[in-house]
C-alpha atoms as a PDB file:
ATOM      1  CA  MET A   1       5.074  19.871 -11.937  1.00  0.00           C
ATOM      2  CA  ARG A   2       7.903  22.380 -11.967  1.00  0.00           C
ATOM      3  CA  ARG A   3       7.345  25.440 -14.126  1.00  0.00           C
ATOM      4  CA  ALA A   4      10.426  24.667 -16.253  1.00  0.00           C
ATOM      5  CA  ASP A   5       9.002  21.215 -17.008  1.00  0.00           C
ATOM      6  CA  ARG A   6       5.629  22.732 -17.875  1.00  0.00           C
ATOM      7  CA  LEU A   7       7.180  25.242 -20.290  1.00  0.00           C
ATOM      8  CA  PHE A   8       9.047  22.399 -21.966  1.00  0.00           C
ATOM      9  CA  ASP A   9       5.836  20.347 -22.223  1.00  0.00           C
ATOM     10  CA  ILE A  10       3.966  23.279 -23.791  1.00  0.00           C
ATOM     11  CA  ILE A  11       6.641  23.571 -26.487  1.00  0.00           C
ATOM     12  CA  GLN A  12       6.529  19.831 -27.090  1.00  0.00           C
ATOM     13  CA  ALA A  13       2.737  19.812 -27.375  1.00  0.00           C
ATOM     14  CA  LEU A  14       2.784  22.703 -29.859  1.00  0.00           C
ATOM     15  CA  ARG A  15       5.591  21.098 -31.874  1.00  0.00           C
ATOM     16  CA  SER A  16       3.699  17.830 -32.277  1.00  0.00           C
ATOM     17  CA  SER A  17       0.337  19.346 -33.212  1.00  0.00           C
ATOM     18  CA  ALA A  18      -0.672  20.217 -36.764  1.00  0.00           C
ATOM     19  CA  GLN A  19      -3.580  22.337 -35.475  1.00  0.00           C
ATOM     20  CA  PRO A  20      -3.718  25.298 -33.074  1.00  0.00           C
ATOM     21  CA  LEU A  21      -4.039  24.255 -29.446  1.00  0.00           C
ATOM     22  CA  THR A  22      -6.302  26.289 -27.186  1.00  0.00           C
ATOM     23  CA  ALA A  23      -5.320  27.393 -23.712  1.00  0.00           C
ATOM     24  CA  SER A  24      -8.160  25.272 -22.296  1.00  0.00           C
ATOM     25  CA  TRP A  25      -6.789  22.167 -24.035  1.00  0.00           C
ATOM     26  CA  LEU A  26      -3.273  22.843 -22.759  1.00  0.00           C
ATOM     27  CA  ALA A  27      -4.605  23.512 -19.269  1.00  0.00           C
ATOM     28  CA  ALA A  28      -6.477  20.196 -19.216  1.00  0.00           C
ATOM     29  CA  HIS A  29      -3.492  18.352 -20.694  1.00  0.00           C
ATOM     30  CA  LEU A  30      -1.079  19.745 -18.095  1.00  0.00           C
ATOM     31  CA  GLU A  31      -3.614  19.771 -15.248  1.00  0.00           C
ATOM     32  CA  VAL A  32      -3.267  23.477 -14.465  1.00  0.00           C
ATOM     33  CA  GLY A  33      -5.516  26.531 -14.708  1.00  0.00           C
ATOM     34  CA  ILE A  34      -6.071  28.477 -17.929  1.00  0.00           C
ATOM     35  CA  ARG A  35      -4.525  31.614 -16.400  1.00  0.00           C
ATOM     36  CA  THR A  36      -1.352  29.621 -15.768  1.00  0.00           C
ATOM     37  CA  ILE A  37      -1.203  28.693 -19.462  1.00  0.00           C
ATOM     38  CA  TYR A  38      -1.664  32.342 -20.472  1.00  0.00           C
ATOM     39  CA  ARG A  39       1.244  33.331 -18.228  1.00  0.00           C
ATOM     40  CA  ASP A  40       3.413  30.505 -19.525  1.00  0.00           C
ATOM     41  CA  ILE A  41       2.712  31.384 -23.167  1.00  0.00           C
ATOM     42  CA  ALA A  42       3.597  35.023 -22.459  1.00  0.00           C
ATOM     43  CA  THR A  43       6.828  33.902 -20.778  1.00  0.00           C
ATOM     44  CA  LEU A  44       7.802  31.724 -23.744  1.00  0.00           C
ATOM     45  CA  GLN A  45       7.010  34.500 -26.206  1.00  0.00           C
ATOM     46  CA  ALA A  46       9.104  36.920 -24.126  1.00  0.00           C
ATOM     47  CA  ARG A  47      11.969  34.422 -24.427  1.00  0.00           C
ATOM     48  CA  ARG A  48      11.587  34.599 -28.207  1.00  0.00           C
ATOM     49  CA  VAL A  49       9.995  31.196 -28.673  1.00  0.00           C
ATOM     50  CA  PRO A  50       7.972  31.773 -31.896  1.00  0.00           C
ATOM     51  CA  ILE A  51       4.489  30.957 -30.600  1.00  0.00           C
ATOM     52  CA  GLU A  52       1.721  32.513 -32.667  1.00  0.00           C
ATOM     53  CA  GLY A  53      -1.958  32.877 -31.847  1.00  0.00           C
ATOM     54  CA  ALA A  54      -4.159  34.360 -29.167  1.00  0.00           C
ATOM     55  CA  SER A  55      -6.549  33.418 -26.393  1.00  0.00           C
ATOM     56  CA  GLY A  56      -9.808  32.031 -27.705  1.00  0.00           C
ATOM     57  CA  VAL A  57      -8.212  31.111 -31.041  1.00  0.00           C
ATOM     58  CA  GLY A  58      -5.377  28.795 -30.133  1.00  0.00           C
ATOM     59  CA  TYR A  59      -1.606  28.720 -30.317  1.00  0.00           C
ATOM     60  CA  MET A  60       0.862  27.279 -32.800  1.00  0.00           C
ATOM     61  CA  LEU A  61       4.617  26.995 -32.898  1.00  0.00           C
ATOM     62  CA  ARG A  62       6.151  28.488 -36.019  1.00  0.00           C
ATOM     63  CA  ARG A  63       7.527  25.795 -38.305  1.00  0.00           C
ATOM     64  CA  GLY A  64      11.237  25.216 -38.194  1.00  0.00           C
ATOM     65  CA  TYR A  65      11.660  26.055 -34.509  1.00  0.00           C
ATOM     66  CA  ASP A  66      13.596  23.521 -32.537  1.00  0.00           C
ATOM     67  CA  LEU A  67      15.195  23.345 -29.144  1.00  0.00           C
ATOM     68  CA  PRO A  68      18.989  23.400 -29.110  1.00  0.00           C
ATOM     69  CA  PRO A  69      20.207  19.800 -29.233  1.00  0.00           C
ATOM     70  CA  LEU A  70      21.685  18.231 -26.137  1.00  0.00           C
ATOM     71  CA  MET A  71      25.054  16.638 -26.723  1.00  0.00           C
ATOM     72  CA  PHE A  72      25.982  13.336 -25.075  1.00  0.00           C
ATOM     73  CA  THR A  73      28.902  10.976 -25.475  1.00  0.00           C
ATOM     74  CA  PRO A  74      28.148   7.337 -26.429  1.00  0.00           C
ATOM     75  CA  ASP A  75      28.846   6.260 -22.837  1.00  0.00           C
ATOM     76  CA  GLU A  76      26.467   8.930 -21.508  1.00  0.00           C
ATOM     77  CA  ILE A  77      23.728   7.747 -23.877  1.00  0.00           C
ATOM     78  CA  ASP A  78      24.218   4.148 -22.729  1.00  0.00           C
ATOM     79  CA  ALA A  79      24.085   5.296 -19.097  1.00  0.00           C
ATOM     80  CA  ILE A  80      20.768   7.077 -19.704  1.00  0.00           C
ATOM     81  CA  ALA A  81      19.284   4.130 -21.589  1.00  0.00           C
ATOM     82  CA  VAL A  82      20.339   1.640 -18.930  1.00  0.00           C
ATOM     83  CA  GLY A  83      19.240   3.846 -16.037  1.00  0.00           C
ATOM     84  CA  VAL A  84      15.767   4.516 -17.432  1.00  0.00           C
ATOM     85  CA  ARG A  85      15.173   0.841 -18.148  1.00  0.00           C
ATOM     86  CA  MET A  86      16.449  -0.257 -14.751  1.00  0.00           C
ATOM     87  CA  VAL A  87      13.570   1.653 -13.169  1.00  0.00           C
ATOM     88  CA  ARG A  88      11.112  -1.023 -14.323  1.00  0.00           C
ATOM     89  CA  ARG A  89      12.682  -3.402 -11.777  1.00  0.00           C
ATOM     90  CA  LEU A  90      11.436  -1.158  -8.959  1.00  0.00           C
ATOM     91  CA  ARG A  91       7.754  -2.103  -9.436  1.00  0.00           C
ATOM     92  CA  ASP A  92       6.773   1.563  -9.011  1.00  0.00           C
ATOM     93  CA  ASN A  93       4.282   2.395 -11.764  1.00  0.00           C
ATOM     94  CA  GLU A  94       4.479   6.175 -11.354  1.00  0.00           C
ATOM     95  CA  LEU A  95       8.276   6.122 -11.360  1.00  0.00           C
ATOM     96  CA  GLN A  96       8.276   3.894 -14.459  1.00  0.00           C
ATOM     97  CA  SER A  97       5.959   6.295 -16.292  1.00  0.00           C
ATOM     98  CA  ALA A  98       8.138   9.245 -15.266  1.00  0.00           C
ATOM     99  CA  ALA A  99      11.250   7.440 -16.554  1.00  0.00           C
ATOM    100  CA  GLU A 100       9.620   6.823 -19.930  1.00  0.00           C
ATOM    101  CA  ARG A 101       8.630  10.497 -20.143  1.00  0.00           C
ATOM    102  CA  VAL A 102      12.224  11.490 -19.435  1.00  0.00           C
ATOM    103  CA  LEU A 103      13.426   9.199 -22.217  1.00  0.00           C
ATOM    104  CA  SER A 104      10.813  10.600 -24.611  1.00  0.00           C
ATOM    105  CA  LYS A 105      11.858  14.175 -23.844  1.00  0.00           C
ATOM    106  CA  LEU A 106      15.522  13.404 -24.298  1.00  0.00           C
ATOM    107  CA  THR A 107      14.884  11.600 -27.578  1.00  0.00           C
ATOM    108  CA  THR A 108      13.289  14.736 -29.041  1.00  0.00           C
ATOM    109  CA  VAL A 109      16.101  17.119 -28.102  1.00  0.00           C
ATOM    110  CA  VAL A 110      19.240  15.135 -28.937  1.00  0.00           C
ATOM    111  CA  PRO A 111      20.720  15.234 -32.448  1.00  0.00           C
ATOM    112  CA  GLU A 112      18.893  12.956 -34.880  1.00  0.00           C
ATOM    113  CA  SER A 113      21.989  10.842 -35.392  1.00  0.00           C
ATOM    114  CA  VAL A 114      21.948   9.588 -31.789  1.00  0.00           C
ATOM    115  CA  ARG A 115      18.196   9.148 -31.314  1.00  0.00           C
ATOM    116  CA  PRO A 116      18.210   5.433 -32.247  1.00  0.00           C
ATOM    117  CA  SER A 117      20.686   4.785 -29.433  1.00  0.00           C
ATOM    118  CA  LEU A 118      18.129   6.072 -26.927  1.00  0.00           C
ATOM    119  CA  ALA A 119      14.964   4.739 -28.548  1.00  0.00           C
ATOM    120  CA  SER A 120      16.335   1.269 -29.396  1.00  0.00           C
ATOM    121  CA  PRO A 121      19.555   0.753 -27.470  1.00  0.00           C
ATOM    122  CA  ARG A 122      21.654  -2.373 -27.886  1.00  0.00           C
ATOM    123  CA  ILE A 123      21.125  -3.362 -24.283  1.00  0.00           C
ATOM    124  CA  TRP A 124      18.799  -5.680 -22.401  1.00  0.00           C
ATOM    125  CA  ILE A 125      17.650  -5.279 -18.814  1.00  0.00           C
ATOM    126  CA  SER A 126      16.001  -8.219 -17.066  1.00  0.00           C
ATOM    127  CA  ASP A 127      12.678  -7.730 -15.314  1.00  0.00           C
ATOM    128  CA  GLY A 128      14.178  -8.931 -12.047  1.00  0.00           C
ATOM    129  CA  SER A 129      12.541 -11.108  -9.427  1.00  0.00           C
ATOM    130  CA  ALA A 130      10.990  -8.522  -7.104  1.00  0.00           C
ATOM    131  CA  SER A 131       7.290  -8.955  -6.411  1.00  0.00           C
ATOM    132  CA  ALA A 132       4.801  -6.335  -7.556  1.00  0.00           C
ATOM    133  CA  GLN A 133       3.719  -4.034  -4.728  1.00  0.00           C
ATOM    134  CA  VAL A 134       0.064  -4.325  -3.681  1.00  0.00           C
ATOM    135  CA  GLY A 135      -2.007  -2.657  -0.993  1.00  0.00           C
ATOM    136  CA  PHE A 136      -0.726   0.895  -1.386  1.00  0.00           C
ATOM    137  CA  ASP A 137       0.802   3.234  -3.937  1.00  0.00           C
ATOM    138  CA  LEU A 138       4.573   3.696  -3.805  1.00  0.00           C
ATOM    139  CA  ALA A 139       4.067   7.230  -5.108  1.00  0.00           C
ATOM    140  CA  ASP A 140       2.304   8.056  -1.820  1.00  0.00           C
ATOM    141  CA  LEU A 141       5.283   6.736   0.102  1.00  0.00           C
ATOM    142  CA  ARG A 142       7.762   8.771  -1.935  1.00  0.00           C
ATOM    143  CA  ASN A 143       5.591  11.859  -1.535  1.00  0.00           C
ATOM    144  CA  ALA A 144       5.520  11.358   2.243  1.00  0.00           C
ATOM    145  CA  ILE A 145       9.328  11.432   2.202  1.00  0.00           C
ATOM    146  CA  ARG A 146       9.304  14.686   0.210  1.00  0.00           C
ATOM    147  CA  THR A 147       6.753  16.330   2.516  1.00  0.00           C
ATOM    148  CA  SER A 148       8.147  14.843   5.757  1.00  0.00           C
ATOM    149  CA  SER A 149       4.797  13.292   6.663  1.00  0.00           C
ATOM    150  CA  LYS A 150       4.507  10.532   9.215  1.00  0.00           C
ATOM    151  CA  LEU A 151       3.136   7.155   8.096  1.00  0.00           C
ATOM    152  CA  LEU A 152       1.132   4.479   9.860  1.00  0.00           C
ATOM    153  CA  ILE A 153       2.130   1.126   8.414  1.00  0.00           C
ATOM    154  CA  GLY A 154       1.041  -2.450   8.972  1.00  0.00           C
ATOM    155  CA  TYR A 155       4.228  -4.514   8.762  1.00  0.00           C
ATOM    156  CA  VAL A 156       5.062  -8.212   8.676  1.00  0.00           C
ATOM    157  CA  ASP A 157       8.592  -9.116   9.784  1.00  0.00           C
ATOM    158  CA  LYS A 158      10.636 -12.114   8.555  1.00  0.00           C
ATOM    159  CA  ALA A 159       9.154 -14.303  11.305  1.00  0.00           C
ATOM    160  CA  GLY A 160       5.623 -13.495  10.154  1.00  0.00           C
ATOM    161  CA  GLU A 161       4.833 -11.278  13.139  1.00  0.00           C
ATOM    162  CA  ARG A 162       2.505  -8.373  12.367  1.00  0.00           C
ATOM    163  CA  SER A 163       2.756  -4.940  13.957  1.00  0.00           C
ATOM    164  CA  ALA A 164       1.375  -1.439  13.494  1.00  0.00           C
ATOM    165  CA  ARG A 165       4.057   1.235  13.454  1.00  0.00           C
ATOM    166  CA  ILE A 166       4.225   4.998  13.109  1.00  0.00           C
ATOM    167  CA  ILE A 167       7.345   5.864  11.144  1.00  0.00           C
ATOM    168  CA  ARG A 168       9.104   8.995   9.928  1.00  0.00           C
ATOM    169  CA  PRO A 169      10.299   8.072   6.409  1.00  0.00           C
ATOM    170  CA  VAL A 170      13.569   9.661   5.309  1.00  0.00           C
ATOM    171  CA  ALA A 171      14.670   7.799   2.157  1.00  0.00           C
ATOM    172  CA  MET A 172      13.943   5.093  -0.385  1.00  0.00           C
ATOM    173  CA  VAL A 173      16.690   2.465  -0.544  1.00  0.00           C
ATOM    174  CA  TYR A 174      17.033   0.489  -3.777  1.00  0.00           C
ATOM    175  CA  TYR A 175      18.895  -2.778  -4.099  1.00  0.00           C
ATOM    176  CA  VAL A 176      18.968  -4.953  -7.238  1.00  0.00           C
ATOM    177  CA  ASP A 177      15.800  -6.842  -6.352  1.00  0.00           C
ATOM    178  CA  ALA A 178      14.635  -5.238  -3.137  1.00  0.00           C
ATOM    179  CA  THR A 179      13.176  -1.842  -2.308  1.00  0.00           C
ATOM    180  CA  LEU A 180      13.158  -0.521   1.236  1.00  0.00           C
ATOM    181  CA  VAL A 181      11.992   2.571   3.019  1.00  0.00           C
ATOM    182  CA  ALA A 182      14.406   3.927   5.597  1.00  0.00           C
ATOM    183  CA  ALA A 183      12.634   5.491   8.552  1.00  0.00           C
ATOM    184  CA  TRP A 184      12.773   6.402  12.191  1.00  0.00           C
ATOM    185  CA  CYS A 185      10.473   3.887  13.883  1.00  0.00           C
ATOM    186  CA  GLU A 186       8.610   5.316  16.861  1.00  0.00           C
ATOM    187  CA  LEU A 187       7.873   1.799  18.169  1.00  0.00           C
ATOM    188  CA  ARG A 188      11.564   0.850  18.300  1.00  0.00           C
ATOM    189  CA  GLY A 189      12.964   4.335  18.947  1.00  0.00           C
ATOM    190  CA  ASP A 190      15.600   3.836  16.269  1.00  0.00           C
ATOM    191  CA  PHE A 191      16.144   3.690  12.516  1.00  0.00           C
ATOM    192  CA  ARG A 192      14.761   0.715  10.645  1.00  0.00           C
ATOM    193  CA  HIS A 193      14.642  -0.442   7.024  1.00  0.00           C
ATOM    194  CA  PHE A 194      11.254  -1.796   5.933  1.00  0.00           C
ATOM    195  CA  ARG A 195      10.945  -4.003   2.856  1.00  0.00           C
ATOM    196  CA  ILE A 196       8.042  -2.654   0.827  1.00  0.00           C
ATOM    197  CA  GLU A 197       6.636  -6.101   0.004  1.00  0.00           C
ATOM    198  CA  ARG A 198       6.130  -6.637   3.749  1.00  0.00           C
ATOM    199  CA  ILE A 199       4.185  -3.414   4.216  1.00  0.00           C
ATOM    200  CA  GLU A 200       0.552  -4.549   4.113  1.00  0.00           C
ATOM    201  CA  THR A 201      -1.042  -1.147   4.721  1.00  0.00           C
ATOM    202  CA  CYS A 202       0.281   2.391   4.549  1.00  0.00           C
ATOM    203  CA  THR A 203      -1.611   5.496   5.644  1.00  0.00           C
ATOM    204  CA  VAL A 204      -0.261   9.037   5.383  1.00  0.00           C
ATOM    205  CA  LEU A 205      -0.866  10.905   8.644  1.00  0.00           C
ATOM    206  CA  ALA A 206      -1.560  14.605   9.040  1.00  0.00           C
ATOM    207  CA  GLU A 207       1.363  14.973  11.448  1.00  0.00           C
ATOM    208  CA  SER A 208       4.562  16.350   9.934  1.00  0.00           C
ATOM    209  CA  PHE A 209       8.164  15.959  11.118  1.00  0.00           C
ATOM    210  CA  ALA A 210       9.558  18.628   8.779  1.00  0.00           C
ATOM    211  CA  THR A 211      11.552  20.377  11.507  1.00  0.00           C
ATOM    212  CA  GLU A 212      13.316  17.101  12.340  1.00  0.00           C
ATOM    213  CA  ALA A 213      13.798  15.849   8.770  1.00  0.00           C
ATOM    214  CA  PRO A 214      17.287  17.345   8.100  1.00  0.00           C
ATOM    215  CA  ARG A 215      18.642  15.964  11.377  1.00  0.00           C
ATOM    216  CA  LEU A 216      17.087  12.543  10.814  1.00  0.00           C
ATOM    217  CA  MET A 217      18.526  12.373   7.303  1.00  0.00           C
ATOM    218  CA  ALA A 218      22.015  13.218   8.554  1.00  0.00           C
ATOM    219  CA  GLU A 219      21.773  10.665  11.359  1.00  0.00           C
ATOM    220  CA  TRP A 220      20.398   7.994   9.022  1.00  0.00           C
ATOM    221  CA  ARG A 221      23.320   8.450   6.628  1.00  0.00           C
ATOM    222  CA  GLN A 222      25.713   7.687   9.455  1.00  0.00           C
ATOM    223  CA  TYR A 223      23.553   4.769  10.611  1.00  0.00           C
ATOM    224  CA  HIS A 224      23.336   3.387   7.081  1.00  0.00           C
ATOM    225  CA  LEU A 225      27.112   3.425   6.638  1.00  0.00           C
ATOM    226  CA  LYS A 226      27.384   1.091   9.623  1.00  0.00           C
ATOM    227  CA  GLU A 227      24.261  -1.012   9.060  1.00  0.00           C
ATOM    228  CA  ASP A 228      24.214  -1.469   5.277  1.00  0.00           C
ATOM    229  CA  ALA A 229      22.299  -4.732   4.967  1.00  0.00           C
ATOM    230  CA  VAL A 230      19.081  -5.822   3.304  1.00  0.00           C
ATOM    231  CA  PRO A 231      16.559  -6.984   5.934  1.00  0.00           C
ATOM    232  CA  GLN A 232      15.681 -10.689   5.514  1.00  0.00           C
END
């Protein structure tokens, strides 16, 4: 979690609690060390956030404090509401939870008059027809892209042929009802797009390709412009 997000979450936790919250409770809630919470509280107090209390006693946010409201146009609010709810079509549980947290955070910091438009928008998003992913966690796949870690996957192609491949994942590719991982395939010596529902197993390897990642991303963008098609 980024420090800015953690500071925001500390304020939100203090705002919603009627009782003082101890540093140990905040540390457990945010999954960080107690010393980190002490430093974060000191930072917020230095920024004139009215947090009262002390270590061993607990902390409270002085009543009446609020974050400055974020201003959005009606079209921007609709875009946020639609975007967050579209994530549920991706069948990625961690990404869905993150999207709901984003919506919850936004709902608390926009003016009260526009909160209903985020909480209960006049839109409907279908669940889509994509199958739920089984066998591995999509969060692990996305993390491998962020850390430039190689993956060993067991893949089934459209003809039903199975193969084991070592890939260098560079991007997630989202279509309306299909999710793919774009990667350099060491077996084929070229870029390939793998449909996630055809990945039977996925193991993160210790080997990194971080030094190659920027070049591979640039080359994949050019490849994707020419080969933009969903694998069958």
